[in-house]
């Protein structure tokens, strides 16, 4: 099936990646708005189309931003967020009360087709809403992550890194596997600190519009953010899950999220306008199958799968890893402490993937199956037009470091 789109080519608006192909699609996602599922596309000239999955032949709803559109996120409140090379995040209101808000002079939506979140200084490849829909994360190649209050249109916190941010994703606290601890001592854990508060400002080519990495000077991604970097995990998955925990907090975070750079994945918490990095890992992917792809290596695809208590991560250069989300809590001398982490499991794809990966999706193999250990399929769309399917199943041993099994490729 070929989907038609109402976007008309404009001689005045060219694509950033390929000026001669302004309607080239940068990103595709399926999102729910109420009970309806939509296929959403974002193009190089800033056009966005939403197709009703149940009526794909129907003309899509269309929106537009002022530069190449990349990040797509939908909220439970009915908002659609699009991030772009215009260095802003555009919010569109698809809720049932939008028309009422548009007529209300007290509403920020009064006579507005969209609202803008401004604060980044460069292209924004990724956005993510939390489950309540009131917070939005945005990651930029200006080397910063921003957490926004969508209802107040304000930035609650900003986190600075030394490298570009390619992907962000909120994760629910309820999806973390609880790992009981047997020791009352916490000497091996360090209180989480608010690193990333100080901007790190190397030269950035602000006229650069292409997403081609110039991070060769920062291949050793051990220093993702400013300050002592003590949350780096083992080179390999440890035998004991408890050894994954690196930091703790004395109050549970309001939100948990993950962001990814060229090589690293970082788990963070947010509380009282502060972002706390908990744990990080840069060794959760196999090496690219060919040196031709090393320049395009970036972790730019992440899908949160609560049924697997996991985050599925893929790189543009063709690697796949599954991060098991774990947490523990303990009362020491009457004081509760909370620790959050993840443990990676590499899914080896060398020999199966010999080209770049354009997109990823994760879905139950048998939709509607409520079995706790149901199988899931990971679909990887390759640049040569092929689709690779990886089937996985949650291990019955919830404390195994290899937390998914029965892997079929």
Protein backbone atom coordinates (compact mmCIF):
# COMPACT_ATOMS: atom_id res chain seq x y z
CA UNK A 1 0.00 0.00 0.00
CA UNK A 2 1.23 3.48 -0.88
CA UNK A 3 -0.10 6.31 1.28
CA UNK A 4 -0.88 9.58 -0.43
CA UNK A 5 -0.24 12.85 1.35
CA UNK A 6 -1.83 16.25 1.00
CA UNK A 7 1.52 18.04 1.17
CA UNK A 8 2.22 19.99 -1.98
CA UNK A 9 5.86 20.52 -2.99
CA UNK A 10 6.86 24.12 -2.46
CA UNK A 11 9.60 25.85 -4.47
CA UNK A 12 10.18 28.08 -1.43
CA UNK A 13 10.79 25.32 1.11
CA UNK A 14 13.61 22.84 0.55
CA UNK A 15 14.74 19.90 2.59
CA UNK A 16 17.76 20.22 4.87
CA UNK A 17 19.23 16.83 4.03
CA UNK A 18 18.34 16.76 0.36
CA UNK A 19 17.07 20.05 -1.13
CA UNK A 20 15.79 18.23 -4.19
CA UNK A 21 13.63 15.87 -2.09
CA UNK A 22 11.80 18.13 0.38
CA UNK A 23 9.22 15.45 1.21
CA UNK A 24 11.81 12.88 2.22
CA UNK A 25 10.59 11.21 5.43
CA UNK A 26 12.87 11.59 8.46
CA UNK A 27 10.78 9.78 11.07
CA UNK A 28 7.72 7.51 11.27
CA UNK A 29 5.85 6.56 14.45
CA UNK A 30 2.55 4.98 15.48
CA UNK A 31 0.89 6.78 18.39
CA UNK A 32 -2.44 6.61 20.22
CA UNK A 33 -4.74 9.60 20.61
CA UNK A 34 -7.59 8.40 22.77
CA UNK A 35 -8.78 5.12 21.28
CA UNK A 36 -7.48 5.91 17.79
CA UNK A 37 -4.08 4.86 16.47
CA UNK A 38 -2.28 7.11 14.00
CA UNK A 39 0.71 6.63 11.74
CA UNK A 40 2.68 9.89 11.91
CA UNK A 41 5.35 10.97 9.43
CA UNK A 42 7.78 13.89 9.69
CA UNK A 43 9.51 15.15 6.56
CA UNK A 44 12.68 16.99 5.66
CA UNK A 45 10.84 20.18 4.73
CA UNK A 46 8.95 20.30 8.04
CA UNK A 47 5.66 18.71 6.99
CA UNK A 48 3.88 16.31 9.36
CA UNK A 49 1.08 13.93 8.36
CA UNK A 50 -1.16 11.81 10.62
CA UNK A 51 -2.89 8.77 9.07
CA UNK A 52 -5.74 6.96 10.80
CA UNK A 53 -4.47 3.37 10.97
CA UNK A 54 -8.02 2.00 10.65
CA UNK A 55 -8.68 4.19 7.58
CA UNK A 56 -5.38 4.50 5.77
CA UNK A 57 -7.04 5.56 2.51
CA UNK A 58 -8.50 8.62 4.21
CA UNK A 59 -6.60 11.89 3.70
CA UNK A 60 -4.29 12.53 6.65
CA UNK A 61 -4.33 15.44 9.04
CA UNK A 62 -1.39 17.69 8.23
CA UNK A 63 0.75 20.14 10.18
CA UNK A 64 3.89 22.12 9.43
CA UNK A 65 6.97 23.41 11.22
CA UNK A 66 9.51 25.85 9.85
CA UNK A 67 12.45 23.47 9.32
CA UNK A 68 13.30 19.80 8.88
CA UNK A 69 11.13 17.79 11.31
CA UNK A 70 12.64 14.92 13.33
CA UNK A 71 11.27 14.07 16.76
CA UNK A 72 7.67 12.86 17.17
CA UNK A 73 5.87 12.33 20.50
CA UNK A 74 2.22 12.04 21.55
CA UNK A 75 0.85 12.71 25.03
CA UNK A 76 -2.06 11.30 27.01
CA UNK A 77 -3.46 14.85 27.14
CA UNK A 78 -3.85 14.94 23.37
CA UNK A 79 -0.75 16.93 22.46
CA UNK A 80 1.53 16.21 19.51
CA UNK A 81 5.14 17.37 19.86
CA UNK A 82 7.40 17.83 16.84
CA UNK A 83 11.06 18.76 17.21
CA UNK A 84 13.01 20.16 14.30
CA UNK A 85 16.06 21.90 12.92
CA UNK A 86 14.40 25.21 13.79
CA UNK A 87 15.83 24.68 17.31
CA UNK A 88 12.32 24.67 18.85
CA UNK A 89 9.71 22.09 19.80
CA UNK A 90 6.26 22.71 18.32
CA UNK A 91 3.22 21.54 20.32
CA UNK A 92 -0.06 20.87 18.48
CA UNK A 93 -3.30 20.44 20.42
CA UNK A 94 -5.40 17.48 19.22
CA UNK A 95 -7.51 17.24 22.37
CA UNK A 96 -11.29 17.48 22.33
CA UNK A 97 -11.26 20.86 24.11
CA UNK A 98 -8.87 22.54 21.66
CA UNK A 99 -11.59 24.64 19.98
CA UNK A 100 -12.75 25.88 23.37
CA UNK A 101 -9.18 26.77 24.39
CA UNK A 102 -8.60 28.56 21.10
CA UNK A 103 -11.53 30.90 21.87
CA UNK A 104 -10.53 31.50 25.50
CA UNK A 105 -8.32 34.61 25.81
CA UNK A 106 -7.03 33.27 29.16
CA UNK A 107 -5.65 30.14 27.51
CA UNK A 108 -2.16 29.98 25.97
CA UNK A 109 -3.93 28.40 22.99
CA UNK A 110 -5.99 31.56 22.35
CA UNK A 111 -5.94 32.01 18.55
CA UNK A 112 -2.91 29.73 18.30
CA UNK A 113 -2.43 26.84 15.88
CA UNK A 114 0.63 25.62 17.78
CA UNK A 115 2.87 26.60 20.68
CA UNK A 116 6.67 26.66 20.78
CA UNK A 117 9.12 25.55 23.44
CA UNK A 118 12.25 27.66 22.99
CA UNK A 119 15.59 27.16 24.69
CA UNK A 120 17.81 24.92 22.57
CA UNK A 121 20.57 26.39 20.42
CA UNK A 122 20.73 23.73 17.72
CA UNK A 123 18.82 20.91 16.02
CA UNK A 124 16.54 18.77 18.22
CA UNK A 125 16.38 15.15 17.00
CA UNK A 126 14.28 13.69 19.83
CA UNK A 127 11.35 14.33 22.19
CA UNK A 128 9.35 12.23 24.67
CA UNK A 129 6.27 12.74 26.88
CA UNK A 130 5.85 11.18 30.31
CA UNK A 131 2.84 8.93 30.97
CA UNK A 132 0.77 11.75 32.49
CA UNK A 133 1.45 13.99 29.50
CA UNK A 134 2.45 17.00 31.61
CA UNK A 135 6.23 16.71 31.12
CA UNK A 136 8.21 16.69 27.88
CA UNK A 137 11.87 15.81 27.33
CA UNK A 138 13.88 17.21 24.43
CA UNK A 139 17.43 16.30 23.45
CA UNK A 140 19.60 18.39 21.15
CA UNK A 141 22.92 18.36 19.38
CA UNK A 142 23.65 21.56 21.29
CA UNK A 143 24.64 18.95 23.92
CA UNK A 144 21.77 19.64 26.28
CA UNK A 145 18.67 17.89 27.55
CA UNK A 146 15.67 19.95 28.67
CA UNK A 147 12.68 18.90 30.76
CA UNK A 148 9.56 21.01 30.15
CA UNK A 149 6.27 21.60 31.94
CA UNK A 150 3.92 21.39 28.97
CA UNK A 151 0.99 23.11 30.69
CA UNK A 152 3.12 26.04 31.86
CA UNK A 153 5.31 26.10 28.72
CA UNK A 154 8.36 26.45 30.94
CA UNK A 155 11.67 24.63 31.26
CA UNK A 156 11.90 22.91 34.66
CA UNK A 157 15.47 21.69 34.36
CA UNK A 158 18.37 21.63 31.93
CA UNK A 159 21.11 18.99 31.79
CA UNK A 160 24.38 19.64 29.92
CA UNK A 161 26.51 16.93 28.34
CA UNK A 162 29.77 16.88 26.38
CA UNK A 163 28.28 15.09 23.39
CA UNK A 164 25.21 15.26 21.17
CA UNK A 165 21.97 13.73 22.41
CA UNK A 166 20.27 11.44 19.90
CA UNK A 167 17.39 9.87 21.79
CA UNK A 168 15.28 10.42 24.94
CA UNK A 169 12.59 8.30 26.57
CA UNK A 170 10.55 8.51 29.78
CA UNK A 171 10.13 5.20 31.66
CA UNK A 172 7.54 4.45 34.34
CA UNK A 173 8.75 3.58 37.83
CA UNK A 174 6.27 0.70 37.91
CA UNK A 175 8.14 -1.06 35.08
CA UNK A 176 11.34 -1.53 37.08
CA UNK A 177 12.01 -5.03 38.40
CA UNK A 178 12.50 -4.92 42.17
CA UNK A 179 15.77 -6.55 43.23
CA UNK A 180 15.91 -7.26 47.00
CA UNK A 181 19.21 -6.52 48.73
CA UNK A 182 20.69 -8.82 51.35
CA UNK A 183 23.12 -6.37 52.95
CA UNK A 184 22.24 -3.41 55.11
CA UNK A 185 25.48 -1.63 54.23
CA UNK A 186 25.50 0.90 51.40
CA UNK A 187 29.22 1.73 51.29
CA UNK A 188 29.37 0.64 47.66
CA UNK A 189 26.72 3.18 46.66
CA UNK A 190 27.32 6.90 46.26
CA UNK A 191 24.67 9.59 46.72
CA UNK A 192 23.42 10.72 43.33
CA UNK A 193 24.59 14.23 42.48
CA UNK A 194 23.23 16.87 40.15
CA UNK A 195 25.92 16.68 37.50
CA UNK A 196 25.30 18.38 34.19
CA UNK A 197 24.42 21.77 35.66
CA UNK A 198 27.38 23.55 34.05
CA UNK A 199 27.33 24.17 30.29
CA UNK A 200 30.26 22.80 28.35
CA UNK A 201 30.72 25.03 25.33
CA UNK A 202 33.08 23.85 22.61
CA UNK A 203 32.70 25.39 19.19
CA UNK A 204 29.55 24.29 17.36
CA UNK A 205 28.92 25.01 13.70
CA UNK A 206 25.54 26.68 14.12
CA UNK A 207 24.97 26.73 10.37
CA UNK A 208 25.29 22.94 10.26
CA UNK A 209 21.93 21.43 9.38
CA UNK A 210 22.91 17.86 8.54
CA UNK A 211 22.95 15.21 11.24
CA UNK A 212 26.53 14.12 10.46
CA UNK A 213 28.52 13.70 13.65
CA UNK A 214 31.62 15.81 14.26
CA UNK A 215 32.25 14.06 17.57
CA UNK A 216 35.48 12.32 16.57
CA UNK A 217 37.27 14.22 19.33
CA UNK A 218 34.91 12.63 21.85
CA UNK A 219 34.99 8.98 20.79
CA UNK A 220 35.79 8.04 24.38
CA UNK A 221 32.34 8.81 25.71
CA UNK A 222 33.35 8.19 29.34
CA UNK A 223 32.91 11.89 30.09
CA UNK A 224 29.31 12.34 29.01
CA UNK A 225 28.67 15.19 31.41
CA UNK A 226 30.64 17.68 33.47
CA UNK A 227 31.98 16.44 36.80
CA UNK A 228 33.35 13.22 38.21
CA UNK A 229 31.93 10.43 36.12
CA UNK A 230 31.57 7.59 38.58
CA UNK A 231 28.42 5.87 37.35
CA UNK A 232 30.00 3.96 34.47
CA UNK A 233 29.03 0.29 34.53
CA UNK A 234 31.18 -2.80 34.01
CA UNK A 235 32.49 -3.59 30.54
CA UNK A 236 30.34 -6.72 30.59
CA UNK A 237 27.10 -7.64 32.29
CA UNK A 238 27.98 -8.58 35.88
CA UNK A 239 26.95 -11.92 37.33
CA UNK A 240 25.21 -10.23 40.24
CA UNK A 241 22.48 -7.74 39.43
CA UNK A 242 23.09 -5.92 42.71
CA UNK A 243 26.52 -4.83 41.50
CA UNK A 244 24.80 -2.77 38.78
CA UNK A 245 23.64 -0.20 41.32
CA UNK A 246 25.98 2.77 41.54
CA UNK A 247 24.08 5.63 43.19
CA UNK A 248 21.13 6.21 45.49
CA UNK A 249 18.70 8.95 46.46
CA UNK A 250 16.87 9.41 49.75
CA UNK A 251 13.57 10.38 48.15
CA UNK A 252 11.92 8.59 45.21
CA UNK A 253 12.18 10.57 41.96
CA UNK A 254 9.13 12.18 40.42
CA UNK A 255 10.09 10.86 36.99
CA UNK A 256 12.66 8.52 35.47
CA UNK A 257 14.02 8.77 31.95
CA UNK A 258 16.83 7.60 29.70
CA UNK A 259 18.83 9.56 27.17
CA UNK A 260 21.31 8.26 24.61
CA UNK A 261 24.36 9.79 22.96
CA UNK A 262 26.62 8.44 20.26
CA UNK A 263 27.87 5.57 22.43
CA UNK A 264 26.28 5.87 25.89
CA UNK A 265 22.90 5.31 27.51
CA UNK A 266 22.24 7.22 30.74
CA UNK A 267 19.44 6.62 33.28
CA UNK A 268 18.35 9.73 35.18
CA UNK A 269 15.82 10.77 37.79
CA UNK A 270 14.03 14.10 38.20
CA UNK A 271 12.92 15.60 41.49
CA UNK A 272 12.37 19.16 42.72
CA UNK A 273 13.63 20.78 39.51
CA UNK A 274 16.85 18.76 39.57
CA UNK A 275 18.10 15.99 37.26
CA UNK A 276 20.16 13.21 38.84
CA UNK A 277 22.13 10.77 36.64
CA UNK A 278 21.97 7.31 38.25
CA UNK A 279 23.90 4.96 35.99
CA UNK A 280 25.40 4.90 32.52
CA UNK A 281 26.76 2.34 30.09
CA UNK A 282 28.70 2.62 26.84
CA UNK A 283 29.44 -1.07 26.37
CA UNK A 284 25.97 -2.37 25.55
CA UNK A 285 26.42 -2.81 21.77
CA UNK A 286 28.55 -5.02 19.59
CA UNK A 287 30.96 -3.32 17.18
CA UNK A 288 29.58 -2.17 13.79
CA UNK A 289 29.67 -4.91 11.18
CA UNK A 290 31.78 -2.71 8.90
CA UNK A 291 33.98 0.34 9.42
CA UNK A 292 31.91 2.09 6.76
CA UNK A 293 29.19 2.62 9.37
CA UNK A 294 31.30 3.87 12.27
CA UNK A 295 30.81 7.51 11.27
CA UNK A 296 27.04 7.05 11.48
CA UNK A 297 27.05 5.16 14.76
CA UNK A 298 24.53 6.75 17.13
CA UNK A 299 21.92 5.39 19.54
CA UNK A 300 18.91 7.08 17.98
CA UNK A 301 16.16 4.47 18.45
CA UNK A 302 14.67 3.53 21.83
CA UNK A 303 11.36 1.84 22.66
CA UNK A 304 10.08 1.37 26.20
CA UNK A 305 8.41 -2.06 26.71
CA UNK A 306 6.86 -2.23 30.21
CA UNK A 307 5.79 -5.88 29.78
CA UNK A 308 9.48 -6.80 29.48
CA UNK A 309 10.55 -4.32 32.18
CA UNK A 310 12.98 -3.20 29.52
CA UNK A 311 14.10 -0.56 27.07
CA UNK A 312 14.97 -1.73 23.56
CA UNK A 313 17.79 0.32 22.01
CA UNK A 314 19.14 0.29 18.45
CA UNK A 315 21.84 2.19 16.62
CA UNK A 316 21.75 3.60 13.12
CA UNK A 317 24.83 1.51 12.30
CA UNK A 318 22.99 -1.75 13.02
CA UNK A 319 23.35 -2.83 16.67
CA UNK A 320 20.65 -3.91 19.10
CA UNK A 321 20.56 -4.12 22.90
CA UNK A 322 17.88 -4.63 25.54
CA UNK A 323 18.24 -2.82 28.87
CA UNK A 324 16.55 -4.53 31.82
CA UNK A 325 15.23 -1.88 34.24
CA UNK A 326 15.93 -2.72 37.90
CA UNK A 327 15.53 -0.93 41.23
CA UNK A 328 15.92 -1.56 44.93
CA UNK A 329 15.04 0.22 48.14
CA UNK A 330 16.20 -0.27 51.68
CA UNK A 331 15.68 1.30 55.08
CA UNK A 332 18.98 1.99 56.83
CA UNK A 333 18.82 3.37 60.38
CA UNK A 334 15.26 4.49 59.74
CA UNK A 335 16.19 6.27 56.49
CA UNK A 336 14.90 4.93 53.18
CA UNK A 337 17.21 4.88 50.17
CA UNK A 338 16.28 4.23 46.53
CA UNK A 339 18.57 2.97 43.77
CA UNK A 340 17.77 2.59 40.05
CA UNK A 341 19.77 0.99 37.29
CA UNK A 342 19.66 -1.21 34.20
CA UNK A 343 21.58 -4.16 32.87
CA UNK A 344 22.22 -4.52 29.14
CA UNK A 345 21.87 -7.64 27.05
CA UNK A 346 23.41 -7.52 23.59
CA UNK A 347 21.42 -9.06 20.72
CA UNK A 348 24.10 -9.99 18.18
CA UNK A 349 23.11 -8.94 14.66
CA UNK A 350 26.44 -9.16 12.83
CA UNK A 351 25.87 -11.44 9.88
CA UNK A 352 22.24 -10.35 9.65
CA UNK A 353 22.58 -6.56 9.27
CA UNK A 354 25.00 -5.31 6.63
CA UNK A 355 23.52 -1.87 6.06
CA UNK A 356 22.14 1.08 8.01
CA UNK A 357 19.00 0.86 10.16
CA UNK A 358 16.34 3.50 9.46
CA UNK A 359 13.69 2.60 12.02
CA UNK A 360 12.59 0.26 14.80
CA UNK A 361 9.28 -0.90 16.26
CA UNK A 362 8.43 -3.32 19.09
CA UNK A 363 5.12 -5.19 19.42
CA UNK A 364 3.67 -8.36 20.98
CA UNK A 365 4.01 -11.37 18.72
CA UNK A 366 0.49 -12.41 19.71
CA UNK A 367 -1.51 -9.24 20.50
CA UNK A 368 -3.96 -9.69 23.36
CA UNK A 369 -1.97 -12.49 24.98
CA UNK A 370 -1.78 -11.64 28.67
CA UNK A 371 0.81 -14.31 29.46
CA UNK A 372 3.51 -12.73 31.63
CA UNK A 373 6.19 -14.32 29.46
CA UNK A 374 4.64 -13.51 26.11
CA UNK A 375 6.87 -13.16 23.09
CA UNK A 376 7.66 -9.85 21.45
CA UNK A 377 8.95 -8.97 18.01
CA UNK A 378 11.42 -6.22 17.23
CA UNK A 379 11.17 -4.92 13.67
CA UNK A 380 14.22 -3.20 12.19
CA UNK A 381 13.76 -1.36 8.89
CA UNK A 382 16.98 -1.33 6.85
CA UNK A 383 18.05 1.23 4.29
CA UNK A 384 18.00 -1.41 1.53
CA UNK A 385 14.25 -1.88 2.06
CA UNK A 386 14.46 -5.11 4.04
CA UNK A 387 12.79 -5.64 7.42
CA UNK A 388 14.59 -7.77 10.02
CA UNK A 389 12.43 -9.39 12.71
CA UNK A 390 13.90 -10.35 16.08
CA UNK A 391 11.66 -12.39 18.41
CA UNK A 392 12.36 -12.33 22.14
CA UNK A 393 10.72 -13.60 25.32
CA UNK A 394 11.14 -12.52 28.93
CA UNK A 395 13.09 -15.08 30.92
CA UNK A 396 11.20 -16.90 33.67
CA UNK A 397 14.19 -16.20 35.91
CA UNK A 398 13.48 -12.56 36.71
CA UNK A 399 16.92 -12.17 38.27
CA UNK A 400 18.94 -13.58 35.38
CA UNK A 401 21.39 -11.21 33.72
CA UNK A 402 20.28 -12.67 30.38
CA UNK A 403 16.74 -11.49 30.91
CA UNK A 404 15.36 -12.36 27.49
CA UNK A 405 15.64 -15.72 25.81
CA UNK A 406 14.34 -17.83 22.94
CA UNK A 407 15.82 -15.28 20.55
CA UNK A 408 14.98 -15.86 16.90
CA UNK A 409 16.31 -13.69 14.07
